[in-house]
């Protein structure tokens, strides 16, 4: 039973580690500010990443491949 719990908890650790790695390497493509920087971190609440729409430092989109399409 102990082996089962250890094996199961190891596979639960992998997605959590990948998520933490992603969040630690996420940077604004315009100004290069990391998401854990003291100027951006207060705007991130849990997993709600609306801060990606507008960087609090440079006021632009944080990710370059995020493009808003306009029908017109």
Protein backbone atom coordinates (compact mmCIF):
# COMPACT_ATOMS: atom_id res chain seq x y z
CA UNK A 1 0.00 0.00 0.00
CA UNK A 2 2.85 2.39 0.75
CA UNK A 3 4.32 1.73 -2.68
CA UNK A 4 0.97 2.61 -4.27
CA UNK A 5 0.78 5.93 -2.41
CA UNK A 6 4.36 6.86 -3.32
CA UNK A 7 3.87 5.91 -6.98
CA UNK A 8 0.57 7.80 -7.16
CA UNK A 9 1.91 10.93 -5.47
CA UNK A 10 4.90 10.99 -7.85
CA UNK A 11 2.60 11.26 -10.86
CA UNK A 12 0.63 14.03 -9.16
CA UNK A 13 3.87 15.91 -8.61
CA UNK A 14 4.77 16.03 -12.33
CA UNK A 15 1.89 18.33 -13.49
CA UNK A 16 2.40 20.60 -10.48
CA UNK A 17 6.12 20.92 -11.25
CA UNK A 18 5.38 21.68 -14.92
CA UNK A 19 2.90 24.38 -13.95
CA UNK A 20 5.37 26.00 -11.56
CA UNK A 21 8.10 25.86 -14.21
CA UNK A 22 5.78 27.50 -16.74
CA UNK A 23 4.85 30.28 -14.34
CA UNK A 24 8.48 30.94 -13.40
CA UNK A 25 9.58 31.26 -17.03
CA UNK A 26 6.65 33.39 -18.23
CA UNK A 27 7.84 36.86 -19.26
CA UNK A 28 6.32 39.83 -21.07
CA UNK A 29 7.42 39.74 -24.70
CA UNK A 30 7.51 43.55 -24.87
CA UNK A 31 9.33 44.68 -21.74
CA UNK A 32 10.78 41.34 -20.55
CA UNK A 33 9.33 41.60 -17.05
CA UNK A 34 8.77 38.22 -15.39
CA UNK A 35 5.31 37.36 -14.10
CA UNK A 36 6.69 36.93 -10.57
CA UNK A 37 8.20 40.45 -10.60
CA UNK A 38 6.99 42.68 -7.76
CA UNK A 39 5.26 45.00 -10.25
CA UNK A 40 3.15 42.23 -11.81
CA UNK A 41 2.74 39.63 -9.04
CA UNK A 42 0.06 41.57 -7.08
CA UNK A 43 -2.20 41.47 -10.16
CA UNK A 44 -2.05 37.67 -10.48
CA UNK A 45 -4.68 36.04 -8.27
CA UNK A 46 -4.47 32.25 -8.15
CA UNK A 47 -4.71 30.86 -11.66
CA UNK A 48 -6.64 33.84 -13.07
CA UNK A 49 -4.15 35.14 -15.62
CA UNK A 50 -6.07 38.11 -17.02
CA UNK A 51 -2.86 40.04 -16.49
CA UNK A 52 -1.69 38.45 -19.78
CA UNK A 53 -4.11 40.69 -21.66
CA UNK A 54 -2.44 43.86 -20.39
CA UNK A 55 0.99 44.03 -18.77
CA UNK A 56 0.91 46.40 -15.76
CA UNK A 57 4.42 47.64 -16.63
CA UNK A 58 4.26 48.42 -20.37
CA UNK A 59 0.46 48.32 -20.92
CA UNK A 60 0.83 45.91 -23.89
CA UNK A 61 -0.10 42.23 -24.34
CA UNK A 62 2.33 40.02 -22.45
CA UNK A 63 2.47 37.21 -25.01
CA UNK A 64 3.29 38.07 -28.61
CA UNK A 65 1.19 35.27 -30.10
CA UNK A 66 -1.95 36.58 -28.37
CA UNK A 67 -3.64 38.57 -31.09
CA UNK A 68 -7.16 39.91 -30.83
CA UNK A 69 -9.04 39.45 -34.05
CA UNK A 70 -11.34 42.23 -35.12
CA UNK A 71 -14.17 41.62 -37.52
CA UNK A 72 -14.75 44.60 -39.64
